[in-house]
Amino acid sequence: MIEFEKGTIEEILVRLHDIGLQLNDNSNVKSVPMEKYKELLDLSIHVARKTIDFSNTIDEIIEDMENKTIV
């Protein structure tokens, strides 16, 4: 299993994915193809990474503003 930093969005999404797989295994309805789960996981991780990129950009902007205020 891939390890992610504890508390990250990626970790949360992977855990949600695992829960979905377990629910699918336990359901009596027609199962969802594994490829669909993989697509969902890939998309979720992509969105999480973009979110982190935006968050880092915002942090940099705030840090720059704080540094300008201090000077």
Protein backbone atom coordinates (compact mmCIF):
# COMPACT_ATOMS: atom_id res chain seq x y z
CA MET A 1 0.00 0.00 0.00
CA ILE A 2 1.15 3.53 -0.74
CA GLU A 3 2.00 5.55 2.37
CA PHE A 4 0.88 9.15 2.68
CA GLU A 5 1.74 11.77 5.26
CA LYS A 6 -0.70 11.50 8.14
CA GLY A 7 -3.53 14.00 8.00
CA THR A 8 -3.12 14.93 4.34
CA ILE A 9 -5.92 15.16 1.83
CA GLU A 10 -4.40 12.24 -0.07
CA GLU A 11 -4.57 10.03 3.02
CA ILE A 12 -8.21 10.93 3.57
CA LEU A 13 -9.14 10.22 -0.04
CA VAL A 14 -7.37 6.87 -0.03
CA ARG A 15 -9.16 5.88 3.18
CA LEU A 16 -12.51 6.89 1.64
CA HIS A 17 -11.61 4.84 -1.43
CA ASP A 18 -10.84 1.82 0.74
CA ILE A 19 -14.21 2.19 2.47
CA GLY A 20 -15.92 2.32 -0.92
CA LEU A 21 -14.17 -0.88 -1.98
CA GLN A 22 -15.22 -2.62 1.23
CA LEU A 23 -18.82 -1.51 0.76
CA ASN A 24 -18.75 -2.75 -2.81
CA ASP A 25 -17.42 -6.13 -1.66
CA ASN A 26 -20.25 -6.44 0.85
CA SER A 27 -23.10 -5.33 -1.42
CA ASN A 28 -25.37 -7.69 -3.29
CA VAL A 29 -25.84 -5.30 -6.19
CA LYS A 30 -23.90 -5.35 -9.43
CA SER A 31 -20.33 -4.30 -8.63
CA VAL A 32 -18.61 -1.26 -10.07
CA PRO A 33 -15.65 -2.09 -12.33
CA MET A 34 -12.27 -1.68 -10.64
CA GLU A 35 -11.19 0.69 -13.42
CA LYS A 36 -13.90 3.15 -12.32
CA TYR A 37 -12.53 3.10 -8.77
CA LYS A 38 -9.03 3.72 -10.13
CA GLU A 39 -10.26 6.65 -12.21
CA LEU A 40 -12.03 8.10 -9.18
CA LEU A 41 -8.93 7.70 -7.02
CA ASP A 42 -6.67 9.24 -9.68
CA LEU A 43 -9.02 12.20 -10.08
CA SER A 44 -9.35 12.63 -6.31
CA ILE A 45 -5.57 12.63 -5.83
CA HIS A 46 -5.17 15.11 -8.71
CA VAL A 47 -7.72 17.45 -7.08
CA ALA A 48 -6.00 17.04 -3.70
CA ARG A 49 -2.62 17.93 -5.20
CA LYS A 50 -4.07 20.99 -6.93
CA THR A 51 -5.64 22.03 -3.63
CA ILE A 52 -2.27 21.72 -1.91
CA ASP A 53 -0.62 23.76 -4.70
CA PHE A 54 -3.18 26.54 -4.26
CA SER A 55 -2.78 26.40 -0.49
CA ASN A 56 1.00 26.71 -0.82
CA THR A 57 0.60 29.66 -3.19
CA ILE A 58 -1.72 31.41 -0.74
CA ASP A 59 0.76 30.74 2.09
CA GLU A 60 3.55 32.29 0.00
CA ILE A 61 1.44 35.37 -0.77
CA ILE A 62 0.60 35.82 2.92
CA GLU A 63 4.25 35.38 3.90
CA ASP A 64 5.31 37.97 1.30
CA MET A 65 2.70 40.41 2.62
CA GLU A 66 3.87 39.86 6.20
CA ASN A 67 7.51 40.41 5.19
CA LYS A 68 6.63 43.68 3.43
CA THR A 69 4.74 44.86 6.50
CA ILE A 70 7.70 44.11 8.78
CA VAL A 71 10.22 46.01 6.64
